[in-house]
């Protein structure tokens, strides 16, 4: 049995899978607000309750925002700031008295989709999260690629490729830089850029809906979004050349992306043709917790 924990800013979810990937159990509870030690206790109790109910002990993987520092073993880069600087892996292994696998939540998404999701069987998978933030994970031959700095796939905090004059220096990012991919391709980023272009404040979902109804300004924002996504993914293909790119997060539900983006990215990819497939997630919000179990 494989247990996975998805540690989010608002909820903690546990799943139990058998070796074939069939779901045996799933539970979800609120994340304790701003309390690291209570968060540890909540995870521990979820694991103990699940194993008691199923009558067996399982392997355990945990998906977290941020990543473990190779230098210190402490968590870094988490938008759940209470976790930053904490020895979460060491603490959980001590509480649960077993080995625990931990990886970034975007890595877990990519692993889930590469194992038995939309990219099952592919050799190299780039799994993209397009949501309130932008991130990615890389899976090669069924294994998560992390790198010596633990940041492989941190695609959202690179500059937008081939920027146009009006895109420079780009919106400010919480990381301290300007013009990061995340500031253009996240849901809030799209909404903010639409407001700058039009003076109208709309959420990303409303922009999508209105574009589909023929709203000229919203259609222009959608086309700009697609163009920026095309350039950003073409850059990935030029460097990594993945077999499959899987999209997840709220913006991945824009169905037109899967037809329009592959038609355009050949203008930026350094090849005579592009065989990389762009696909929508299979498991959606469940991919993070499933990927944690597959760790």
C-alpha atoms as a PDB file:
ATOM      1  CA  UNK A   1       0.000   0.000   0.000  1.00  0.00           C
ATOM      2  CA  UNK A   2       1.154   3.505  -0.861  1.00  0.00           C
ATOM      3  CA  UNK A   3       0.130   6.549   1.164  1.00  0.00           C
ATOM      4  CA  UNK A   4       0.356  10.066  -0.218  1.00  0.00           C
ATOM      5  CA  UNK A   5      -0.077  13.397   1.550  1.00  0.00           C
ATOM      6  CA  UNK A   6      -0.736  16.671  -0.265  1.00  0.00           C
ATOM      7  CA  UNK A   7       0.227  19.462   2.132  1.00  0.00           C
ATOM      8  CA  UNK A   8      -1.476  22.628   0.917  1.00  0.00           C
ATOM      9  CA  UNK A   9      -1.974  26.085   2.318  1.00  0.00           C
ATOM     10  CA  UNK A  10      -5.667  25.494   3.064  1.00  0.00           C
ATOM     11  CA  UNK A  11      -6.056  21.709   3.193  1.00  0.00           C
ATOM     12  CA  UNK A  12      -4.116  18.539   3.892  1.00  0.00           C
ATOM     13  CA  UNK A  13      -5.215  15.502   1.918  1.00  0.00           C
ATOM     14  CA  UNK A  14      -4.250  11.846   2.277  1.00  0.00           C
ATOM     15  CA  UNK A  15      -4.768   9.044  -0.224  1.00  0.00           C
ATOM     16  CA  UNK A  16      -4.063   5.325  -0.071  1.00  0.00           C
ATOM     17  CA  UNK A  17      -3.368   3.467  -3.313  1.00  0.00           C
ATOM     18  CA  UNK A  18      -2.783  -0.192  -3.976  1.00  0.00           C
ATOM     19  CA  UNK A  19       0.105  -1.196  -6.236  1.00  0.00           C
ATOM     20  CA  UNK A  20      -2.134  -0.925  -9.307  1.00  0.00           C
ATOM     21  CA  UNK A  21      -3.042   2.660  -8.468  1.00  0.00           C
ATOM     22  CA  UNK A  22      -6.570   1.910  -7.255  1.00  0.00           C
ATOM     23  CA  UNK A  23      -7.819   4.262  -4.557  1.00  0.00           C
ATOM     24  CA  UNK A  24      -8.394   2.579  -1.202  1.00  0.00           C
ATOM     25  CA  UNK A  25      -9.036   5.646   0.956  1.00  0.00           C
ATOM     26  CA  UNK A  26      -9.070   9.436   0.780  1.00  0.00           C
ATOM     27  CA  UNK A  27      -9.441  12.048   3.509  1.00  0.00           C
ATOM     28  CA  UNK A  28      -9.151  15.849   3.538  1.00  0.00           C
ATOM     29  CA  UNK A  29      -8.853  18.201   6.533  1.00  0.00           C
ATOM     30  CA  UNK A  30      -8.118  21.935   6.920  1.00  0.00           C
ATOM     31  CA  UNK A  31      -4.483  22.961   7.292  1.00  0.00           C
ATOM     32  CA  UNK A  32      -3.788  24.468  10.729  1.00  0.00           C
ATOM     33  CA  UNK A  33      -3.294  28.193  10.255  1.00  0.00           C
ATOM     34  CA  UNK A  34       0.251  29.369  10.871  1.00  0.00           C
ATOM     35  CA  UNK A  35       1.141  26.497  13.208  1.00  0.00           C
ATOM     36  CA  UNK A  36       3.997  24.279  12.080  1.00  0.00           C
ATOM     37  CA  UNK A  37       3.837  21.802  14.953  1.00  0.00           C
ATOM     38  CA  UNK A  38       0.090  21.379  14.699  1.00  0.00           C
ATOM     39  CA  UNK A  39       0.577  20.754  10.972  1.00  0.00           C
ATOM     40  CA  UNK A  40       2.984  17.913  11.822  1.00  0.00           C
ATOM     41  CA  UNK A  41       0.490  16.466  14.286  1.00  0.00           C
ATOM     42  CA  UNK A  42      -2.323  16.649  11.724  1.00  0.00           C
ATOM     43  CA  UNK A  43      -0.262  14.750   9.141  1.00  0.00           C
ATOM     44  CA  UNK A  44       0.750  12.155  11.713  1.00  0.00           C
ATOM     45  CA  UNK A  45      -2.844  11.592  12.787  1.00  0.00           C
ATOM     46  CA  UNK A  46      -4.061  11.267   9.196  1.00  0.00           C
ATOM     47  CA  UNK A  47      -1.463   8.573   8.525  1.00  0.00           C
ATOM     48  CA  UNK A  48      -2.207   6.656  11.719  1.00  0.00           C
ATOM     49  CA  UNK A  49      -5.979   6.782  11.180  1.00  0.00           C
ATOM     50  CA  UNK A  50      -5.672   5.629   7.561  1.00  0.00           C
ATOM     51  CA  UNK A  51      -3.445   2.704   8.465  1.00  0.00           C
ATOM     52  CA  UNK A  52      -5.711   1.709  11.340  1.00  0.00           C
ATOM     53  CA  UNK A  53      -8.732   1.729   9.060  1.00  0.00           C
ATOM     54  CA  UNK A  54      -7.013  -0.278   6.311  1.00  0.00           C
ATOM     55  CA  UNK A  55      -5.227  -2.626   8.692  1.00  0.00           C
ATOM     56  CA  UNK A  56      -1.766  -2.257   7.183  1.00  0.00           C
ATOM     57  CA  UNK A  57       1.220   0.087   7.083  1.00  0.00           C
ATOM     58  CA  UNK A  58       2.202   1.732   3.827  1.00  0.00           C
ATOM     59  CA  UNK A  59       5.048   3.624   2.264  1.00  0.00           C
ATOM     60  CA  UNK A  60       4.612   7.369   2.626  1.00  0.00           C
ATOM     61  CA  UNK A  61       5.230  10.262   0.259  1.00  0.00           C
ATOM     62  CA  UNK A  62       4.465  13.925   0.878  1.00  0.00           C
ATOM     63  CA  UNK A  63       4.000  16.730  -1.605  1.00  0.00           C
ATOM     64  CA  UNK A  64       4.819  20.172  -0.220  1.00  0.00           C
ATOM     65  CA  UNK A  65       4.955  23.715  -1.512  1.00  0.00           C
ATOM     66  CA  UNK A  66       8.624  24.600  -1.802  1.00  0.00           C
ATOM     67  CA  UNK A  67      11.565  22.220  -1.724  1.00  0.00           C
ATOM     68  CA  UNK A  68      14.103  20.792   0.683  1.00  0.00           C
ATOM     69  CA  UNK A  69      17.424  22.609   0.694  1.00  0.00           C
ATOM     70  CA  UNK A  70      20.306  20.305  -0.184  1.00  0.00           C
ATOM     71  CA  UNK A  71      22.556  22.487   1.974  1.00  0.00           C
ATOM     72  CA  UNK A  72      20.527  22.506   5.198  1.00  0.00           C
ATOM     73  CA  UNK A  73      17.770  19.894   4.859  1.00  0.00           C
ATOM     74  CA  UNK A  74      15.255  22.628   5.700  1.00  0.00           C
ATOM     75  CA  UNK A  75      12.266  23.576   3.568  1.00  0.00           C
ATOM     76  CA  UNK A  76      12.683  26.627   1.306  1.00  0.00           C
ATOM     77  CA  UNK A  77      10.684  28.571  -1.303  1.00  0.00           C
ATOM     78  CA  UNK A  78       7.295  27.694   0.203  1.00  0.00           C
ATOM     79  CA  UNK A  79       4.400  30.124  -0.178  1.00  0.00           C
ATOM     80  CA  UNK A  80       3.129  28.598   3.089  1.00  0.00           C
ATOM     81  CA  UNK A  81       5.757  30.608   4.915  1.00  0.00           C
ATOM     82  CA  UNK A  82       5.309  28.833   8.252  1.00  0.00           C
ATOM     83  CA  UNK A  83       7.036  25.818   6.658  1.00  0.00           C
ATOM     84  CA  UNK A  84      10.126  27.692   5.496  1.00  0.00           C
ATOM     85  CA  UNK A  85      13.273  26.980   7.478  1.00  0.00           C
ATOM     86  CA  UNK A  86      11.742  23.933   9.150  1.00  0.00           C
ATOM     87  CA  UNK A  87      13.233  20.386   9.243  1.00  0.00           C
ATOM     88  CA  UNK A  88       9.943  18.902   8.081  1.00  0.00           C
ATOM     89  CA  UNK A  89      11.398  15.657   6.707  1.00  0.00           C
ATOM     90  CA  UNK A  90      13.401  14.935   9.851  1.00  0.00           C
ATOM     91  CA  UNK A  91      10.461  15.823  12.092  1.00  0.00           C
ATOM     92  CA  UNK A  92       7.966  13.622  10.261  1.00  0.00           C
ATOM     93  CA  UNK A  93      10.329  10.662  10.131  1.00  0.00           C
ATOM     94  CA  UNK A  94      10.826  11.016  13.879  1.00  0.00           C
ATOM     95  CA  UNK A  95       7.092  11.222  14.592  1.00  0.00           C
ATOM     96  CA  UNK A  96       6.131   8.358  12.277  1.00  0.00           C
ATOM     97  CA  UNK A  97       9.218   6.204  12.903  1.00  0.00           C
ATOM     98  CA  UNK A  98       9.773   5.412   9.236  1.00  0.00           C
ATOM     99  CA  UNK A  99      11.333   6.648   6.022  1.00  0.00           C
ATOM    100  CA  UNK A 100       9.368   9.435   4.316  1.00  0.00           C
ATOM    101  CA  UNK A 101       9.740  10.714   0.753  1.00  0.00           C
ATOM    102  CA  UNK A 102       9.163  14.440   0.200  1.00  0.00           C
ATOM    103  CA  UNK A 103       8.963  16.362  -3.063  1.00  0.00           C
ATOM    104  CA  UNK A 104       7.620  19.614  -4.432  1.00  0.00           C
ATOM    105  CA  UNK A 105       3.896  19.585  -5.239  1.00  0.00           C
ATOM    106  CA  UNK A 106       4.563  20.305  -8.929  1.00  0.00           C
ATOM    107  CA  UNK A 107       6.912  17.302  -9.029  1.00  0.00           C
ATOM    108  CA  UNK A 108       4.123  15.198  -7.547  1.00  0.00           C
ATOM    109  CA  UNK A 109       1.716  16.425 -10.210  1.00  0.00           C
ATOM    110  CA  UNK A 110       4.181  15.497 -12.954  1.00  0.00           C
ATOM    111  CA  UNK A 111       4.887  12.083 -11.420  1.00  0.00           C
ATOM    112  CA  UNK A 112       1.179  11.275 -11.125  1.00  0.00           C
ATOM    113  CA  UNK A 113       0.473  12.139 -14.755  1.00  0.00           C
ATOM    114  CA  UNK A 114       3.617  10.315 -15.941  1.00  0.00           C
ATOM    115  CA  UNK A 115       2.819   7.158 -13.951  1.00  0.00           C
ATOM    116  CA  UNK A 116      -0.821   6.461 -14.764  1.00  0.00           C
ATOM    117  CA  UNK A 117      -2.197   9.758 -16.023  1.00  0.00           C
ATOM    118  CA  UNK A 118      -2.283  11.659 -19.294  1.00  0.00           C
ATOM    119  CA  UNK A 119       1.433  11.063 -20.006  1.00  0.00           C
ATOM    120  CA  UNK A 120       1.616   7.418 -18.901  1.00  0.00           C
ATOM    121  CA  UNK A 121       4.422   5.563 -20.669  1.00  0.00           C
ATOM    122  CA  UNK A 122       6.259   8.671 -21.898  1.00  0.00           C
ATOM    123  CA  UNK A 123      10.014   8.801 -21.336  1.00  0.00           C
ATOM    124  CA  UNK A 124      10.344  12.527 -20.530  1.00  0.00           C
ATOM    125  CA  UNK A 125       7.396  14.454 -19.086  1.00  0.00           C
ATOM    126  CA  UNK A 126       7.169  18.152 -18.247  1.00  0.00           C
ATOM    127  CA  UNK A 127       4.224  18.705 -15.909  1.00  0.00           C
ATOM    128  CA  UNK A 128       3.055  22.319 -15.709  1.00  0.00           C
ATOM    129  CA  UNK A 129       0.913  23.972 -13.045  1.00  0.00           C
ATOM    130  CA  UNK A 130      -0.918  27.049 -14.333  1.00  0.00           C
ATOM    131  CA  UNK A 131      -2.911  28.339 -11.374  1.00  0.00           C
ATOM    132  CA  UNK A 132      -2.557  31.061  -8.777  1.00  0.00           C
ATOM    133  CA  UNK A 133       1.151  30.457  -9.319  1.00  0.00           C
ATOM    134  CA  UNK A 134       3.138  28.796 -12.102  1.00  0.00           C
ATOM    135  CA  UNK A 135       5.464  25.858 -11.581  1.00  0.00           C
ATOM    136  CA  UNK A 136       6.524  22.614 -13.156  1.00  0.00           C
ATOM    137  CA  UNK A 137       8.037  19.215 -12.504  1.00  0.00           C
ATOM    138  CA  UNK A 138      10.163  16.940 -14.664  1.00  0.00           C
ATOM    139  CA  UNK A 139       9.880  13.151 -14.749  1.00  0.00           C
ATOM    140  CA  UNK A 140      12.377  11.011 -16.666  1.00  0.00           C
ATOM    141  CA  UNK A 141      11.747   7.282 -17.032  1.00  0.00           C
ATOM    142  CA  UNK A 142       9.334   7.316 -14.106  1.00  0.00           C
ATOM    143  CA  UNK A 143      11.628   9.224 -11.731  1.00  0.00           C
ATOM    144  CA  UNK A 144      11.335  12.826 -10.562  1.00  0.00           C
ATOM    145  CA  UNK A 145      14.266  14.992 -11.587  1.00  0.00           C
ATOM    146  CA  UNK A 146      15.195  17.325  -8.726  1.00  0.00           C
ATOM    147  CA  UNK A 147      18.757  18.489  -9.438  1.00  0.00           C
ATOM    148  CA  UNK A 148      21.614  19.412  -7.078  1.00  0.00           C
ATOM    149  CA  UNK A 149      19.782  22.545  -5.917  1.00  0.00           C
ATOM    150  CA  UNK A 150      16.380  20.879  -5.606  1.00  0.00           C
ATOM    151  CA  UNK A 151      14.810  23.315  -8.091  1.00  0.00           C
ATOM    152  CA  UNK A 152      14.528  21.386 -11.380  1.00  0.00           C
ATOM    153  CA  UNK A 153      11.377  22.516 -13.144  1.00  0.00           C
ATOM    154  CA  UNK A 154      11.181  25.963 -11.490  1.00  0.00           C
ATOM    155  CA  UNK A 155      10.007  27.269 -14.826  1.00  0.00           C
ATOM    156  CA  UNK A 156       7.749  30.014 -13.478  1.00  0.00           C
ATOM    157  CA  UNK A 157      10.664  32.042 -12.136  1.00  0.00           C
ATOM    158  CA  UNK A 158      12.482  32.422 -15.416  1.00  0.00           C
ATOM    159  CA  UNK A 159      11.925  35.491 -17.592  1.00  0.00           C
ATOM    160  CA  UNK A 160       9.307  35.413 -20.336  1.00  0.00           C
ATOM    161  CA  UNK A 161      11.206  34.274 -23.476  1.00  0.00           C
ATOM    162  CA  UNK A 162      11.562  36.498 -26.544  1.00  0.00           C
ATOM    163  CA  UNK A 163       9.861  39.466 -24.817  1.00  0.00           C
ATOM    164  CA  UNK A 164       8.211  42.208 -26.820  1.00  0.00           C
ATOM    165  CA  UNK A 165       9.010  45.843 -26.036  1.00  0.00           C
ATOM    166  CA  UNK A 166       5.691  46.341 -24.238  1.00  0.00           C
ATOM    167  CA  UNK A 167       6.402  43.293 -22.041  1.00  0.00           C
ATOM    168  CA  UNK A 168       9.577  44.793 -20.559  1.00  0.00           C
ATOM    169  CA  UNK A 169      10.576  44.993 -17.776  1.00  0.00           C
ATOM    170  CA  UNK A 170       7.446  42.992 -16.918  1.00  0.00           C
ATOM    171  CA  UNK A 171       5.240  42.887 -13.833  1.00  0.00           C
ATOM    172  CA  UNK A 172       6.911  42.603 -10.413  1.00  0.00           C
ATOM    173  CA  UNK A 173       7.073  39.085  -8.979  1.00  0.00           C
ATOM    174  CA  UNK A 174       7.056  38.117  -5.300  1.00  0.00           C
ATOM    175  CA  UNK A 175      10.483  36.548  -5.832  1.00  0.00           C
ATOM    176  CA  UNK A 176      11.909  40.067  -6.201  1.00  0.00           C
ATOM    177  CA  UNK A 177      12.404  40.024  -9.979  1.00  0.00           C
ATOM    178  CA  UNK A 178      10.341  41.474 -12.828  1.00  0.00           C
ATOM    179  CA  UNK A 179       8.890  39.704 -15.845  1.00  0.00           C
ATOM    180  CA  UNK A 180       8.838  36.148 -14.520  1.00  0.00           C
ATOM    181  CA  UNK A 181       6.751  33.686 -16.528  1.00  0.00           C
ATOM    182  CA  UNK A 182       4.475  33.353 -13.486  1.00  0.00           C
ATOM    183  CA  UNK A 183       3.497  37.017 -13.671  1.00  0.00           C
ATOM    184  CA  UNK A 184       2.192  36.498 -17.219  1.00  0.00           C
ATOM    185  CA  UNK A 185       0.734  32.981 -17.152  1.00  0.00           C
ATOM    186  CA  UNK A 186      -0.846  32.631 -13.695  1.00  0.00           C
ATOM    187  CA  UNK A 187      -4.568  33.275 -13.338  1.00  0.00           C
ATOM    188  CA  UNK A 188      -4.022  36.478 -11.325  1.00  0.00           C
ATOM    189  CA  UNK A 189      -1.323  37.515 -13.801  1.00  0.00           C
ATOM    190  CA  UNK A 190      -3.692  37.180 -16.730  1.00  0.00           C
ATOM    191  CA  UNK A 191      -6.378  39.196 -14.895  1.00  0.00           C
ATOM    192  CA  UNK A 192      -3.917  41.960 -13.992  1.00  0.00           C
ATOM    193  CA  UNK A 193      -2.573  42.245 -17.528  1.00  0.00           C
ATOM    194  CA  UNK A 194      -6.141  42.392 -18.904  1.00  0.00           C
ATOM    195  CA  UNK A 195      -6.889  45.246 -16.515  1.00  0.00           C
ATOM    196  CA  UNK A 196      -3.765  47.112 -17.637  1.00  0.00           C
ATOM    197  CA  UNK A 197      -4.737  46.643 -21.295  1.00  0.00           C
ATOM    198  CA  UNK A 198      -8.428  47.519 -20.947  1.00  0.00           C
ATOM    199  CA  UNK A 199      -8.969  49.282 -17.647  1.00  0.00           C
ATOM    200  CA  UNK A 200     -11.586  46.622 -16.819  1.00  0.00           C
ATOM    201  CA  UNK A 201     -11.145  44.352 -13.786  1.00  0.00           C
ATOM    202  CA  UNK A 202     -12.165  40.751 -14.557  1.00  0.00           C
ATOM    203  CA  UNK A 203     -11.079  37.374 -13.200  1.00  0.00           C
ATOM    204  CA  UNK A 204      -9.349  34.947 -15.541  1.00  0.00           C
ATOM    205  CA  UNK A 205     -12.429  32.682 -15.735  1.00  0.00           C
ATOM    206  CA  UNK A 206     -14.660  35.589 -16.751  1.00  0.00           C
ATOM    207  CA  UNK A 207     -12.143  36.621 -19.405  1.00  0.00           C
ATOM    208  CA  UNK A 208     -12.305  33.091 -20.849  1.00  0.00           C
ATOM    209  CA  UNK A 209     -16.101  33.061 -20.865  1.00  0.00           C
ATOM    210  CA  UNK A 210     -16.418  36.494 -22.462  1.00  0.00           C
ATOM    211  CA  UNK A 211     -13.837  35.657 -25.117  1.00  0.00           C
ATOM    212  CA  UNK A 212     -15.933  32.624 -26.042  1.00  0.00           C
ATOM    213  CA  UNK A 213     -18.951  34.916 -26.460  1.00  0.00           C
ATOM    214  CA  UNK A 214     -17.099  37.174 -28.865  1.00  0.00           C
ATOM    215  CA  UNK A 215     -15.907  39.959 -26.538  1.00  0.00           C
ATOM    216  CA  UNK A 216     -13.136  41.607 -28.582  1.00  0.00           C
ATOM    217  CA  UNK A 217     -11.049  42.830 -25.634  1.00  0.00           C
ATOM    218  CA  UNK A 218     -11.231  39.475 -23.846  1.00  0.00           C
ATOM    219  CA  UNK A 219     -10.365  37.637 -27.062  1.00  0.00           C
ATOM    220  CA  UNK A 220      -7.286  39.835 -27.415  1.00  0.00           C
ATOM    221  CA  UNK A 221      -6.267  38.965 -23.843  1.00  0.00           C
ATOM    222  CA  UNK A 222      -6.736  35.263 -24.606  1.00  0.00           C
ATOM    223  CA  UNK A 223      -4.594  35.540 -27.729  1.00  0.00           C
ATOM    224  CA  UNK A 224      -1.880  37.367 -25.791  1.00  0.00           C
ATOM    225  CA  UNK A 225      -2.000  34.653 -23.121  1.00  0.00           C
ATOM    226  CA  UNK A 226      -1.665  31.922 -25.753  1.00  0.00           C
ATOM    227  CA  UNK A 227       1.234  33.716 -27.422  1.00  0.00           C
ATOM    228  CA  UNK A 228       3.083  34.006 -24.114  1.00  0.00           C
ATOM    229  CA  UNK A 229       2.388  30.364 -23.271  1.00  0.00           C
ATOM    230  CA  UNK A 230       3.637  29.343 -26.724  1.00  0.00           C
ATOM    231  CA  UNK A 231       6.936  31.164 -26.235  1.00  0.00           C
ATOM    232  CA  UNK A 232       7.361  29.844 -22.703  1.00  0.00           C
ATOM    233  CA  UNK A 233       6.746  26.213 -23.681  1.00  0.00           C
ATOM    234  CA  UNK A 234       8.863  26.493 -26.832  1.00  0.00           C
ATOM    235  CA  UNK A 235      11.758  27.528 -24.596  1.00  0.00           C
ATOM    236  CA  UNK A 236      11.241  24.352 -22.547  1.00  0.00           C
ATOM    237  CA  UNK A 237      11.162  22.211 -25.683  1.00  0.00           C
ATOM    238  CA  UNK A 238      14.398  23.776 -26.915  1.00  0.00           C
ATOM    239  CA  UNK A 239      16.122  22.897 -23.634  1.00  0.00           C
ATOM    240  CA  UNK A 240      14.486  19.672 -22.434  1.00  0.00           C
ATOM    241  CA  UNK A 241      12.744  18.302 -25.555  1.00  0.00           C
ATOM    242  CA  UNK A 242      10.088  16.383 -23.576  1.00  0.00           C
ATOM    243  CA  UNK A 243       7.870  13.738 -25.124  1.00  0.00           C
ATOM    244  CA  UNK A 244       4.791  15.158 -23.400  1.00  0.00           C
ATOM    245  CA  UNK A 245       3.856  18.426 -21.708  1.00  0.00           C
ATOM    246  CA  UNK A 246       0.913  18.031 -19.316  1.00  0.00           C
ATOM    247  CA  UNK A 247      -1.023  21.071 -18.134  1.00  0.00           C
ATOM    248  CA  UNK A 248      -2.645  21.298 -14.701  1.00  0.00           C
ATOM    249  CA  UNK A 249      -4.075  24.045 -12.507  1.00  0.00           C
ATOM    250  CA  UNK A 250      -7.071  26.254 -13.166  1.00  0.00           C
ATOM    251  CA  UNK A 251      -5.779  27.733 -16.430  1.00  0.00           C
ATOM    252  CA  UNK A 252      -5.343  24.226 -17.869  1.00  0.00           C
ATOM    253  CA  UNK A 253      -9.135  24.098 -18.260  1.00  0.00           C
ATOM    254  CA  UNK A 254      -8.961  26.511 -21.227  1.00  0.00           C
ATOM    255  CA  UNK A 255      -9.731  23.909 -23.875  1.00  0.00           C
ATOM    256  CA  UNK A 256      -8.590  26.052 -26.811  1.00  0.00           C
ATOM    257  CA  UNK A 257      -4.983  25.905 -25.572  1.00  0.00           C
ATOM    258  CA  UNK A 258      -4.591  22.282 -26.652  1.00  0.00           C
ATOM    259  CA  UNK A 259      -5.431  23.113 -30.258  1.00  0.00           C
ATOM    260  CA  UNK A 260      -3.933  26.586 -30.581  1.00  0.00           C
ATOM    261  CA  UNK A 261      -0.607  26.307 -28.750  1.00  0.00           C
ATOM    262  CA  UNK A 262       0.840  23.351 -30.763  1.00  0.00           C
ATOM    263  CA  UNK A 263      -0.114  25.168 -33.981  1.00  0.00           C
ATOM    264  CA  UNK A 264       2.056  28.114 -32.985  1.00  0.00           C
ATOM    265  CA  UNK A 265       5.039  26.807 -31.031  1.00  0.00           C
ATOM    266  CA  UNK A 266       6.849  25.653 -34.172  1.00  0.00           C
ATOM    267  CA  UNK A 267       7.638  29.332 -34.830  1.00  0.00           C
ATOM    268  CA  UNK A 268       9.911  29.299 -31.769  1.00  0.00           C
ATOM    269  CA  UNK A 269      11.161  25.704 -31.512  1.00  0.00           C
ATOM    270  CA  UNK A 270      14.571  25.075 -33.099  1.00  0.00           C
ATOM    271  CA  UNK A 271      13.467  22.126 -35.209  1.00  0.00           C
ATOM    272  CA  UNK A 272      11.909  21.347 -38.580  1.00  0.00           C
ATOM    273  CA  UNK A 273       8.862  19.926 -36.774  1.00  0.00           C
ATOM    274  CA  UNK A 274       7.620  19.509 -33.197  1.00  0.00           C
ATOM    275  CA  UNK A 275       6.530  16.049 -32.045  1.00  0.00           C
ATOM    276  CA  UNK A 276       6.045  16.978 -28.391  1.00  0.00           C
ATOM    277  CA  UNK A 277       2.445  16.383 -27.305  1.00  0.00           C
ATOM    278  CA  UNK A 278       0.498  18.939 -25.256  1.00  0.00           C
ATOM    279  CA  UNK A 279      -2.176  17.250 -23.133  1.00  0.00           C
ATOM    280  CA  UNK A 280      -4.601  18.045 -20.350  1.00  0.00           C
ATOM    281  CA  UNK A 281      -4.204  16.368 -16.967  1.00  0.00           C
ATOM    282  CA  UNK A 282      -6.103  13.151 -16.273  1.00  0.00           C
ATOM    283  CA  UNK A 283      -6.405  13.431 -12.501  1.00  0.00           C
ATOM    284  CA  UNK A 284      -6.702  17.213 -12.036  1.00  0.00           C
ATOM    285  CA  UNK A 285      -6.695  18.265  -8.379  1.00  0.00           C
ATOM    286  CA  UNK A 286      -6.013  14.650  -7.409  1.00  0.00           C
ATOM    287  CA  UNK A 287      -2.671  14.521  -9.215  1.00  0.00           C
ATOM    288  CA  UNK A 288      -0.715  16.096  -6.363  1.00  0.00           C
ATOM    289  CA  UNK A 289      -1.782  13.613  -3.727  1.00  0.00           C
ATOM    290  CA  UNK A 290      -1.556  10.654  -6.133  1.00  0.00           C
ATOM    291  CA  UNK A 291       1.952  11.703  -7.138  1.00  0.00           C
ATOM    292  CA  UNK A 292       2.969  11.897  -3.487  1.00  0.00           C
ATOM    293  CA  UNK A 293       1.834   8.288  -3.078  1.00  0.00           C
ATOM    294  CA  UNK A 294       3.852   7.259  -6.166  1.00  0.00           C
ATOM    295  CA  UNK A 295       7.016   8.795  -4.677  1.00  0.00           C
END
